Amino acid sequence: MTIDLNQEWTHADVSALLGSVSDDRDWRLEVDKQGIAALRDKTTPTDTLYDQTLHCFLETWHEGTDFVGPSAASDKGLVAKIAQALRDNYPDLKAGQFLFIST
Protein backbone atom coordinates (compact mmCIF):
# COMPACT_ATOMS: atom_id res chain seq x y z
CA MET A 1 0.00 0.00 0.00
CA THR A 2 1.10 3.56 -0.68
CA ILE A 3 -0.13 7.10 -0.10
CA ASP A 4 0.15 9.70 -2.84
CA LEU A 5 0.95 12.86 -0.89
CA ASN A 6 0.02 14.95 -3.93
CA GLN A 7 -3.63 13.91 -3.54
CA GLU A 8 -6.03 14.41 -0.64
CA TRP A 9 -5.18 12.00 2.17
CA THR A 10 -6.21 11.56 5.79
CA HIS A 11 -5.14 10.02 9.07
CA ALA A 12 -7.18 6.97 8.02
CA ASP A 13 -4.82 6.53 5.06
CA VAL A 14 -1.78 6.64 7.35
CA SER A 15 -3.49 4.14 9.66
CA ALA A 16 -4.20 1.83 6.72
CA LEU A 17 -0.59 2.10 5.55
CA LEU A 18 0.75 1.19 8.99
CA GLY A 19 -1.73 -1.66 9.27
CA SER A 20 -0.87 -3.04 5.83
CA VAL A 21 2.22 -4.87 7.09
CA SER A 22 3.09 -7.10 10.04
CA ASP A 23 5.48 -6.14 12.82
CA ASP A 24 7.56 -9.22 12.01
CA ARG A 25 10.61 -7.46 10.58
CA ASP A 26 12.22 -4.00 10.39
CA TRP A 27 10.36 -1.33 8.36
CA ARG A 28 10.94 2.26 7.33
CA LEU A 29 8.46 4.78 5.94
CA GLU A 30 9.89 6.47 2.86
CA VAL A 31 8.65 9.22 0.55
CA ASP A 32 10.03 9.19 -2.97
CA LYS A 33 10.68 12.30 -5.05
CA GLN A 34 7.22 11.97 -6.65
CA GLY A 35 5.50 12.15 -3.23
CA ILE A 36 4.61 8.49 -2.83
CA ALA A 37 4.83 7.33 0.79
CA ALA A 38 5.42 3.62 1.33
CA LEU A 39 6.80 1.23 3.88
CA ARG A 40 10.07 -0.45 2.94
CA ASP A 41 11.07 -3.84 4.27
CA LYS A 42 14.51 -3.25 5.78
CA THR A 43 15.60 -6.90 5.75
CA THR A 44 17.41 -5.77 2.61
CA PRO A 45 19.49 -2.84 3.84
CA THR A 46 19.81 0.35 1.85
CA ASP A 47 22.74 2.73 1.70
CA THR A 48 23.38 6.45 1.57
CA LEU A 49 23.21 6.52 -2.22
CA TYR A 50 19.74 4.98 -2.13
CA ASP A 51 18.61 7.38 0.61
CA GLN A 52 19.67 10.33 -1.56
CA THR A 53 17.15 9.24 -4.21
CA LEU A 54 14.31 9.79 -1.71
CA HIS A 55 12.50 12.98 -0.76
CA CYS A 56 12.57 11.95 2.90
CA PHE A 57 12.42 8.94 5.20
CA LEU A 58 11.68 8.11 8.81
CA GLU A 59 13.82 6.11 11.19
CA THR A 60 13.87 2.33 10.87
CA TRP A 61 11.21 0.77 13.06
CA HIS A 62 12.61 -2.46 14.44
CA GLU A 63 10.66 -5.68 14.59
CA GLY A 64 8.37 -5.93 17.61
CA THR A 65 8.28 -2.20 18.47
CA ASP A 66 4.63 -1.66 17.40
CA PHE A 67 5.35 1.11 14.87
CA VAL A 68 3.60 -0.98 12.19
CA GLY A 69 0.84 -3.57 12.20
CA PRO A 70 -2.62 -3.53 13.79
CA SER A 71 -1.42 -2.01 17.07
CA ALA A 72 0.23 0.94 15.29
CA ALA A 73 -2.76 1.39 12.98
CA SER A 74 -5.05 1.81 15.99
CA ASP A 75 -2.69 4.17 17.88
CA LYS A 76 -4.28 7.55 17.10
CA GLY A 77 -1.38 9.46 18.66
CA LEU A 78 1.23 7.69 16.56
CA VAL A 79 -0.85 8.04 13.39
CA ALA A 80 -1.28 11.76 14.06
CA LYS A 81 2.47 12.28 14.62
CA ILE A 82 3.36 10.49 11.40
CA ALA A 83 0.68 12.36 9.44
CA GLN A 84 1.94 15.68 10.81
CA ALA A 85 5.55 14.85 9.94
CA LEU A 86 4.48 14.03 6.38
CA ARG A 87 2.41 17.21 6.04
CA ASP A 88 5.21 19.33 7.52
CA ASN A 89 7.82 17.90 5.16
CA TYR A 90 6.11 17.37 1.83
CA PRO A 91 6.44 18.92 -0.65
CA ASP A 92 8.98 21.14 1.13
CA LEU A 93 11.36 19.70 3.71
CA LYS A 94 11.35 21.59 6.98
CA ALA A 95 13.17 19.15 9.22
CA GLY A 96 15.66 17.77 6.70
CA GLN A 97 15.58 14.52 4.78
CA PHE A 98 15.62 12.30 7.90
CA LEU A 99 12.44 12.59 9.98
CA PHE A 100 12.34 11.31 13.54
CA ILE A 101 9.03 10.51 15.24
CA SER A 102 9.22 10.67 19.02
CA THR A 103 6.78 8.52 20.97
C-alpha atoms as a PDB file:
ATOM      1  CA  MET A   1       0.000   0.000   0.000  1.00  0.00           C
ATOM      2  CA  THR A   2       1.100   3.564  -0.676  1.00  0.00           C
ATOM      3  CA  ILE A   3      -0.131   7.101  -0.096  1.00  0.00           C
ATOM      4  CA  ASP A   4       0.153   9.702  -2.835  1.00  0.00           C
ATOM      5  CA  LEU A   5       0.953  12.865  -0.893  1.00  0.00           C
ATOM      6  CA  ASN A   6       0.020  14.955  -3.933  1.00  0.00           C
ATOM      7  CA  GLN A   7      -3.629  13.913  -3.540  1.00  0.00           C
ATOM      8  CA  GLU A   8      -6.026  14.408  -0.643  1.00  0.00           C
ATOM      9  CA  TRP A   9      -5.180  12.001   2.171  1.00  0.00           C
ATOM     10  CA  THR A  10      -6.210  11.558   5.790  1.00  0.00           C
ATOM     11  CA  HIS A  11      -5.141  10.020   9.072  1.00  0.00           C
ATOM     12  CA  ALA A  12      -7.184   6.968   8.016  1.00  0.00           C
ATOM     13  CA  ASP A  13      -4.819   6.532   5.055  1.00  0.00           C
ATOM     14  CA  VAL A  14      -1.785   6.641   7.354  1.00  0.00           C
ATOM     15  CA  SER A  15      -3.485   4.140   9.660  1.00  0.00           C
ATOM     16  CA  ALA A  16      -4.201   1.832   6.720  1.00  0.00           C
ATOM     17  CA  LEU A  17      -0.585   2.096   5.548  1.00  0.00           C
ATOM     18  CA  LEU A  18       0.754   1.188   8.994  1.00  0.00           C
ATOM     19  CA  GLY A  19      -1.732  -1.665   9.271  1.00  0.00           C
ATOM     20  CA  SER A  20      -0.875  -3.043   5.827  1.00  0.00           C
ATOM     21  CA  VAL A  21       2.224  -4.867   7.093  1.00  0.00           C
ATOM     22  CA  SER A  22       3.088  -7.104  10.042  1.00  0.00           C
ATOM     23  CA  ASP A  23       5.477  -6.145  12.823  1.00  0.00           C
ATOM     24  CA  ASP A  24       7.561  -9.222  12.009  1.00  0.00           C
ATOM     25  CA  ARG A  25      10.615  -7.457  10.577  1.00  0.00           C
ATOM     26  CA  ASP A  26      12.220  -4.004  10.393  1.00  0.00           C
ATOM     27  CA  TRP A  27      10.362  -1.328   8.364  1.00  0.00           C
ATOM     28  CA  ARG A  28      10.941   2.263   7.326  1.00  0.00           C
ATOM     29  CA  LEU A  29       8.461   4.784   5.937  1.00  0.00           C
ATOM     30  CA  GLU A  30       9.894   6.467   2.861  1.00  0.00           C
ATOM     31  CA  VAL A  31       8.653   9.219   0.554  1.00  0.00           C
ATOM     32  CA  ASP A  32      10.034   9.187  -2.973  1.00  0.00           C
ATOM     33  CA  LYS A  33      10.678  12.303  -5.054  1.00  0.00           C
ATOM     34  CA  GLN A  34       7.215  11.972  -6.650  1.00  0.00           C
ATOM     35  CA  GLY A  35       5.504  12.145  -3.229  1.00  0.00           C
ATOM     36  CA  ILE A  36       4.609   8.486  -2.828  1.00  0.00           C
ATOM     37  CA  ALA A  37       4.833   7.325   0.788  1.00  0.00           C
ATOM     38  CA  ALA A  38       5.418   3.624   1.328  1.00  0.00           C
ATOM     39  CA  LEU A  39       6.802   1.225   3.883  1.00  0.00           C
ATOM     40  CA  ARG A  40      10.072  -0.445   2.940  1.00  0.00           C
ATOM     41  CA  ASP A  41      11.075  -3.841   4.265  1.00  0.00           C
ATOM     42  CA  LYS A  42      14.512  -3.251   5.777  1.00  0.00           C
ATOM     43  CA  THR A  43      15.596  -6.903   5.754  1.00  0.00           C
ATOM     44  CA  THR A  44      17.407  -5.768   2.610  1.00  0.00           C
ATOM     45  CA  PRO A  45      19.494  -2.839   3.840  1.00  0.00           C
ATOM     46  CA  THR A  46      19.813   0.352   1.855  1.00  0.00           C
ATOM     47  CA  ASP A  47      22.736   2.731   1.701  1.00  0.00           C
ATOM     48  CA  THR A  48      23.378   6.454   1.574  1.00  0.00           C
ATOM     49  CA  LEU A  49      23.212   6.520  -2.224  1.00  0.00           C
ATOM     50  CA  TYR A  50      19.738   4.981  -2.128  1.00  0.00           C
ATOM     51  CA  ASP A  51      18.612   7.381   0.611  1.00  0.00           C
ATOM     52  CA  GLN A  52      19.668  10.326  -1.559  1.00  0.00           C
ATOM     53  CA  THR A  53      17.147   9.236  -4.207  1.00  0.00           C
ATOM     54  CA  LEU A  54      14.307   9.792  -1.708  1.00  0.00           C
ATOM     55  CA  HIS A  55      12.503  12.981  -0.762  1.00  0.00           C
ATOM     56  CA  CYS A  56      12.573  11.953   2.899  1.00  0.00           C
ATOM     57  CA  PHE A  57      12.419   8.944   5.201  1.00  0.00           C
ATOM     58  CA  LEU A  58      11.680   8.105   8.810  1.00  0.00           C
ATOM     59  CA  GLU A  59      13.815   6.111  11.187  1.00  0.00           C
ATOM     60  CA  THR A  60      13.875   2.329  10.867  1.00  0.00           C
ATOM     61  CA  TRP A  61      11.215   0.766  13.056  1.00  0.00           C
ATOM     62  CA  HIS A  62      12.614  -2.456  14.439  1.00  0.00           C
ATOM     63  CA  GLU A  63      10.659  -5.676  14.591  1.00  0.00           C
ATOM     64  CA  GLY A  64       8.368  -5.930  17.607  1.00  0.00           C
ATOM     65  CA  THR A  65       8.283  -2.196  18.471  1.00  0.00           C
ATOM     66  CA  ASP A  66       4.632  -1.658  17.396  1.00  0.00           C
ATOM     67  CA  PHE A  67       5.352   1.107  14.871  1.00  0.00           C
ATOM     68  CA  VAL A  68       3.598  -0.979  12.194  1.00  0.00           C
ATOM     69  CA  GLY A  69       0.837  -3.567  12.205  1.00  0.00           C
ATOM     70  CA  PRO A  70      -2.620  -3.527  13.792  1.00  0.00           C
ATOM     71  CA  SER A  71      -1.419  -2.006  17.074  1.00  0.00           C
ATOM     72  CA  ALA A  72       0.225   0.942  15.292  1.00  0.00           C
ATOM     73  CA  ALA A  73      -2.760   1.389  12.982  1.00  0.00           C
ATOM     74  CA  SER A  74      -5.048   1.814  15.992  1.00  0.00           C
ATOM     75  CA  ASP A  75      -2.694   4.170  17.884  1.00  0.00           C
ATOM     76  CA  LYS A  76      -4.279   7.550  17.102  1.00  0.00           C
ATOM     77  CA  GLY A  77      -1.385   9.464  18.657  1.00  0.00           C
ATOM     78  CA  LEU A  78       1.227   7.685  16.562  1.00  0.00           C
ATOM     79  CA  VAL A  79      -0.850   8.038  13.388  1.00  0.00           C
ATOM     80  CA  ALA A  80      -1.283  11.763  14.059  1.00  0.00           C
ATOM     81  CA  LYS A  81       2.469  12.277  14.615  1.00  0.00           C
ATOM     82  CA  ILE A  82       3.360  10.491  11.397  1.00  0.00           C
ATOM     83  CA  ALA A  83       0.680  12.356   9.441  1.00  0.00           C
ATOM     84  CA  GLN A  84       1.945  15.682  10.810  1.00  0.00           C
ATOM     85  CA  ALA A  85       5.554  14.848   9.937  1.00  0.00           C
ATOM     86  CA  LEU A  86       4.484  14.031   6.377  1.00  0.00           C
ATOM     87  CA  ARG A  87       2.411  17.212   6.044  1.00  0.00           C
ATOM     88  CA  ASP A  88       5.206  19.325   7.525  1.00  0.00           C
ATOM     89  CA  ASN A  89       7.818  17.903   5.161  1.00  0.00           C
ATOM     90  CA  TYR A  90       6.107  17.374   1.826  1.00  0.00           C
ATOM     91  CA  PRO A  91       6.442  18.925  -0.650  1.00  0.00           C
ATOM     92  CA  ASP A  92       8.982  21.135   1.129  1.00  0.00           C
ATOM     93  CA  LEU A  93      11.359  19.702   3.706  1.00  0.00           C
ATOM     94  CA  LYS A  94      11.354  21.588   6.981  1.00  0.00           C
ATOM     95  CA  ALA A  95      13.170  19.150   9.217  1.00  0.00           C
ATOM     96  CA  GLY A  96      15.661  17.771   6.699  1.00  0.00           C
ATOM     97  CA  GLN A  97      15.576  14.521   4.780  1.00  0.00           C
ATOM     98  CA  PHE A  98      15.623  12.302   7.896  1.00  0.00           C
ATOM     99  CA  LEU A  99      12.438  12.593   9.979  1.00  0.00           C
ATOM    100  CA  PHE A 100      12.342  11.311  13.545  1.00  0.00           C
ATOM    101  CA  ILE A 101       9.032  10.515  15.244  1.00  0.00           C
ATOM    102  CA  SER A 102       9.221  10.666  19.025  1.00  0.00           C
ATOM    103  CA  THR A 103       6.783   8.519  20.969  1.00  0.00           C
END
